[in-house]
Amino acid sequence: MKESELKVFVEGVSNFFNRLGSDAVEVGVPYIKEGNQFISEITGIIGLTGQRKGGIFITCSLPMVDEVSLAYSGMADNSPEARRDMIGEIANTISGNASDAFGSDFQISVPVVISGKPDRVDMPTRVPTFVIPIQWKNHKAYLVVGVE
């Protein structure tokens, strides 16, 4: 993946969080994934098909997804269903922005959500997988991108 392509995902994260209000999002320097130590309490996964294959996922704590949900909808709903919907929406929005940028050779799947901390989330091994650290308010999240 080229730096310019990775930038599309960084911009997608920034655009999503900047719509939530005046609290700035800090997007860290992407690095190549080694291990799964950053996986948190809830993870939204999007598979990519077409000419560009791979996947993305975003992972964060439950308090973060709750706070994002409140800022996004204006309603406090900490139910498991609302949390799954919100992390799926974040992943879908970021990958949808990438789909718009990359065109028809970049098709996204319906989000899959994992609640709890799995031992690992496997990504394609044919290409480097990049981790993009995210800081919003006092919360940390990670966007992970592995695309051919």
C-alpha atoms as a PDB file:
ATOM      1  CA  MET A   1       0.000   0.000   0.000  1.00  0.00           C
ATOM      2  CA  LYS A   2       1.337   3.393  -0.992  1.00  0.00           C
ATOM      3  CA  GLU A   3       1.592   6.288   1.458  1.00  0.00           C
ATOM      4  CA  SER A   4      -0.984   8.244  -0.570  1.00  0.00           C
ATOM      5  CA  GLU A   5      -3.429   5.332  -0.264  1.00  0.00           C
ATOM      6  CA  LEU A   6      -2.879   5.059   3.487  1.00  0.00           C
ATOM      7  CA  LYS A   7      -3.578   8.775   3.735  1.00  0.00           C
ATOM      8  CA  VAL A   8      -7.139   8.113   2.488  1.00  0.00           C
ATOM      9  CA  PHE A   9      -7.795   6.077   5.645  1.00  0.00           C
ATOM     10  CA  VAL A  10      -6.176   8.699   7.895  1.00  0.00           C
ATOM     11  CA  GLU A  11      -8.415  11.344   6.328  1.00  0.00           C
ATOM     12  CA  GLY A  12     -11.447   9.078   6.754  1.00  0.00           C
ATOM     13  CA  VAL A  13     -10.749   8.793  10.497  1.00  0.00           C
ATOM     14  CA  SER A  14     -10.252  12.541  10.813  1.00  0.00           C
ATOM     15  CA  ASN A  15     -13.431  13.307   8.877  1.00  0.00           C
ATOM     16  CA  PHE A  16     -15.539  10.939  10.976  1.00  0.00           C
ATOM     17  CA  PHE A  17     -14.373  12.227  14.351  1.00  0.00           C
ATOM     18  CA  ASN A  18     -14.313  15.891  13.332  1.00  0.00           C
ATOM     19  CA  ARG A  19     -18.063  15.667  12.607  1.00  0.00           C
ATOM     20  CA  LEU A  20     -18.700  14.743  16.250  1.00  0.00           C
ATOM     21  CA  GLY A  21     -18.062  18.207  17.637  1.00  0.00           C
ATOM     22  CA  SER A  22     -15.286  20.482  18.745  1.00  0.00           C
ATOM     23  CA  ASP A  23     -13.098  17.814  20.381  1.00  0.00           C
ATOM     24  CA  ALA A  24     -10.157  17.323  18.058  1.00  0.00           C
ATOM     25  CA  VAL A  25      -9.045  13.889  16.988  1.00  0.00           C
ATOM     26  CA  GLU A  26      -5.341  13.095  16.916  1.00  0.00           C
ATOM     27  CA  VAL A  27      -4.320  10.565  14.324  1.00  0.00           C
ATOM     28  CA  GLY A  28      -0.919   9.074  15.039  1.00  0.00           C
ATOM     29  CA  VAL A  29       1.806   7.954  12.678  1.00  0.00           C
ATOM     30  CA  PRO A  30       0.884   4.645  10.991  1.00  0.00           C
ATOM     31  CA  TYR A  31       3.197   1.715  11.660  1.00  0.00           C
ATOM     32  CA  ILE A  32       3.417  -1.868  10.460  1.00  0.00           C
ATOM     33  CA  LYS A  33       1.427  -4.261  12.632  1.00  0.00           C
ATOM     34  CA  GLU A  34       3.280  -6.776  14.755  1.00  0.00           C
ATOM     35  CA  GLY A  35       1.084  -8.785  17.095  1.00  0.00           C
ATOM     36  CA  ASN A  36      -2.368  -7.925  18.401  1.00  0.00           C
ATOM     37  CA  GLN A  37      -1.603  -6.209  21.710  1.00  0.00           C
ATOM     38  CA  PHE A  38      -3.720  -3.186  20.743  1.00  0.00           C
ATOM     39  CA  ILE A  39      -7.039  -5.042  20.307  1.00  0.00           C
ATOM     40  CA  SER A  40      -9.626  -3.595  22.660  1.00  0.00           C
ATOM     41  CA  GLU A  41     -13.127  -4.380  23.935  1.00  0.00           C
ATOM     42  CA  ILE A  42     -15.078  -3.945  20.691  1.00  0.00           C
ATOM     43  CA  THR A  43     -13.941  -4.261  17.086  1.00  0.00           C
ATOM     44  CA  GLY A  44     -15.669  -3.495  13.789  1.00  0.00           C
ATOM     45  CA  ILE A  45     -14.306  -5.363  10.758  1.00  0.00           C
ATOM     46  CA  ILE A  46     -14.879  -4.664   7.070  1.00  0.00           C
ATOM     47  CA  GLY A  47     -13.751  -7.107   4.392  1.00  0.00           C
ATOM     48  CA  LEU A  48     -12.605  -5.782   1.015  1.00  0.00           C
ATOM     49  CA  THR A  49     -13.149  -7.561  -2.278  1.00  0.00           C
ATOM     50  CA  GLY A  50     -12.755  -6.790  -5.950  1.00  0.00           C
ATOM     51  CA  GLN A  51      -9.403  -5.989  -7.478  1.00  0.00           C
ATOM     52  CA  ARG A  52      -8.220  -4.685  -4.077  1.00  0.00           C
ATOM     53  CA  LYS A  53      -8.524  -7.414  -1.442  1.00  0.00           C
ATOM     54  CA  GLY A  54      -7.976  -7.234   2.291  1.00  0.00           C
ATOM     55  CA  GLY A  55      -9.695  -5.679   5.238  1.00  0.00           C
ATOM     56  CA  ILE A  56      -9.831  -2.941   7.806  1.00  0.00           C
ATOM     57  CA  PHE A  57     -10.857  -2.938  11.415  1.00  0.00           C
ATOM     58  CA  ILE A  58     -11.285  -0.374  14.132  1.00  0.00           C
ATOM     59  CA  THR A  59     -10.983  -1.350  17.766  1.00  0.00           C
ATOM     60  CA  CYS A  60     -11.676   0.683  20.905  1.00  0.00           C
ATOM     61  CA  SER A  61     -12.932   0.526  24.480  1.00  0.00           C
ATOM     62  CA  LEU A  62     -16.619   0.341  25.396  1.00  0.00           C
ATOM     63  CA  PRO A  63     -16.530   3.793  27.058  1.00  0.00           C
ATOM     64  CA  MET A  64     -15.165   5.262  23.821  1.00  0.00           C
ATOM     65  CA  VAL A  65     -17.842   3.691  21.629  1.00  0.00           C
ATOM     66  CA  ASP A  66     -20.467   4.902  24.130  1.00  0.00           C
ATOM     67  CA  GLU A  67     -19.127   8.455  23.976  1.00  0.00           C
ATOM     68  CA  VAL A  68     -18.909   8.366  20.176  1.00  0.00           C
ATOM     69  CA  SER A  69     -22.490   7.104  20.049  1.00  0.00           C
ATOM     70  CA  LEU A  70     -23.698   9.961  22.275  1.00  0.00           C
ATOM     71  CA  ALA A  71     -21.865  12.561  20.161  1.00  0.00           C
ATOM     72  CA  TYR A  72     -23.061  10.939  16.913  1.00  0.00           C
ATOM     73  CA  SER A  73     -26.744  10.506  17.748  1.00  0.00           C
ATOM     74  CA  GLY A  74     -27.303  12.776  20.739  1.00  0.00           C
ATOM     75  CA  MET A  75     -28.723   9.835  22.691  1.00  0.00           C
ATOM     76  CA  ALA A  76     -27.088   7.787  25.421  1.00  0.00           C
ATOM     77  CA  ASP A  77     -27.571   4.086  24.700  1.00  0.00           C
ATOM     78  CA  ASN A  78     -25.012   1.706  26.193  1.00  0.00           C
ATOM     79  CA  SER A  79     -26.822  -1.459  25.139  1.00  0.00           C
ATOM     80  CA  PRO A  80     -24.801  -4.187  23.413  1.00  0.00           C
ATOM     81  CA  GLU A  81     -26.854  -3.652  20.245  1.00  0.00           C
ATOM     82  CA  ALA A  82     -26.171   0.111  20.162  1.00  0.00           C
ATOM     83  CA  ARG A  83     -22.468  -0.513  20.731  1.00  0.00           C
ATOM     84  CA  ARG A  84     -22.298  -3.049  17.899  1.00  0.00           C
ATOM     85  CA  ASP A  85     -24.195  -0.686  15.604  1.00  0.00           C
ATOM     86  CA  MET A  86     -21.876   2.233  16.417  1.00  0.00           C
ATOM     87  CA  ILE A  87     -18.559   0.423  15.921  1.00  0.00           C
ATOM     88  CA  GLY A  88     -19.970  -1.032  12.698  1.00  0.00           C
ATOM     89  CA  GLU A  89     -20.976   2.472  11.581  1.00  0.00           C
ATOM     90  CA  ILE A  90     -17.493   3.833  12.275  1.00  0.00           C
ATOM     91  CA  ALA A  91     -15.844   1.024  10.288  1.00  0.00           C
ATOM     92  CA  ASN A  92     -18.399   1.323   7.499  1.00  0.00           C
ATOM     93  CA  THR A  93     -18.006   5.104   7.208  1.00  0.00           C
ATOM     94  CA  ILE A  94     -14.200   4.986   7.089  1.00  0.00           C
ATOM     95  CA  SER A  95     -14.137   2.150   4.548  1.00  0.00           C
ATOM     96  CA  GLY A  96     -16.929   3.824   2.556  1.00  0.00           C
ATOM     97  CA  ASN A  97     -14.797   6.957   2.230  1.00  0.00           C
ATOM     98  CA  ALA A  98     -11.953   4.771   0.970  1.00  0.00           C
ATOM     99  CA  SER A  99     -14.308   3.084  -1.472  1.00  0.00           C
ATOM    100  CA  ASP A 100     -15.288   6.502  -2.849  1.00  0.00           C
ATOM    101  CA  ALA A 101     -11.609   7.437  -3.233  1.00  0.00           C
ATOM    102  CA  PHE A 102     -10.461   4.163  -4.820  1.00  0.00           C
ATOM    103  CA  GLY A 103     -13.475   3.582  -7.075  1.00  0.00           C
ATOM    104  CA  SER A 104     -15.162   0.411  -8.225  1.00  0.00           C
ATOM    105  CA  ASP A 105     -12.132  -1.841  -7.677  1.00  0.00           C
ATOM    106  CA  PHE A 106     -12.656  -1.417  -3.914  1.00  0.00           C
ATOM    107  CA  GLN A 107     -15.825  -3.133  -2.691  1.00  0.00           C
ATOM    108  CA  ILE A 108     -16.677  -3.308   1.014  1.00  0.00           C
ATOM    109  CA  SER A 109     -18.587  -5.951   2.952  1.00  0.00           C
ATOM    110  CA  VAL A 110     -21.161  -5.545   5.668  1.00  0.00           C
ATOM    111  CA  PRO A 111     -19.427  -4.879   9.023  1.00  0.00           C
ATOM    112  CA  VAL A 112     -18.695  -7.798  11.340  1.00  0.00           C
ATOM    113  CA  VAL A 113     -18.447  -6.895  15.021  1.00  0.00           C
ATOM    114  CA  ILE A 114     -16.468  -8.703  17.696  1.00  0.00           C
ATOM    115  CA  SER A 115     -17.353  -7.886  21.291  1.00  0.00           C
ATOM    116  CA  GLY A 116     -14.708  -8.697  23.865  1.00  0.00           C
ATOM    117  CA  LYS A 117     -10.979  -9.064  23.391  1.00  0.00           C
ATOM    118  CA  PRO A 118     -10.120 -11.887  21.000  1.00  0.00           C
ATOM    119  CA  ASP A 119      -6.606 -13.290  21.145  1.00  0.00           C
ATOM    120  CA  ARG A 120      -6.053 -12.016  17.638  1.00  0.00           C
ATOM    121  CA  VAL A 121      -7.674 -10.716  14.482  1.00  0.00           C
ATOM    122  CA  ASP A 122      -6.007 -12.103  11.369  1.00  0.00           C
ATOM    123  CA  MET A 123      -5.372  -9.885   8.384  1.00  0.00           C
ATOM    124  CA  PRO A 124      -4.053 -10.793   4.928  1.00  0.00           C
ATOM    125  CA  THR A 125      -0.439 -11.919   5.163  1.00  0.00           C
ATOM    126  CA  ARG A 126       0.504 -11.115   1.554  1.00  0.00           C
ATOM    127  CA  VAL A 127       0.730  -7.385   2.275  1.00  0.00           C
ATOM    128  CA  PRO A 128       1.922  -5.280   5.206  1.00  0.00           C
ATOM    129  CA  THR A 129      -0.818  -4.434   7.673  1.00  0.00           C
ATOM    130  CA  PHE A 130      -0.722  -0.890   9.030  1.00  0.00           C
ATOM    131  CA  VAL A 131      -1.917   0.293  12.435  1.00  0.00           C
ATOM    132  CA  ILE A 132      -3.152   3.872  12.717  1.00  0.00           C
ATOM    133  CA  PRO A 133      -3.375   5.085  16.350  1.00  0.00           C
ATOM    134  CA  ILE A 134      -6.322   7.363  17.163  1.00  0.00           C
ATOM    135  CA  GLN A 135      -6.747   9.615  20.212  1.00  0.00           C
ATOM    136  CA  TRP A 136     -10.148  11.263  20.774  1.00  0.00           C
ATOM    137  CA  LYS A 137     -10.927  13.010  24.020  1.00  0.00           C
ATOM    138  CA  ASN A 138      -9.281  10.737  26.596  1.00  0.00           C
ATOM    139  CA  HIS A 139      -9.798   7.561  24.545  1.00  0.00           C
ATOM    140  CA  LYS A 140      -7.492   5.506  22.335  1.00  0.00           C
ATOM    141  CA  ALA A 141      -8.532   3.475  19.335  1.00  0.00           C
ATOM    142  CA  TYR A 142      -6.737   1.800  16.456  1.00  0.00           C
ATOM    143  CA  LEU A 143      -7.606   1.553  12.798  1.00  0.00           C
ATOM    144  CA  VAL A 144      -5.884  -1.408  11.149  1.00  0.00           C
ATOM    145  CA  VAL A 145      -5.572  -1.545   7.362  1.00  0.00           C
ATOM    146  CA  GLY A 146      -4.359  -4.446   5.237  1.00  0.00           C
ATOM    147  CA  VAL A 147      -5.082  -3.972   1.520  1.00  0.00           C
ATOM    148  CA  GLU A 148      -3.450  -5.440  -1.588  1.00  0.00           C
END
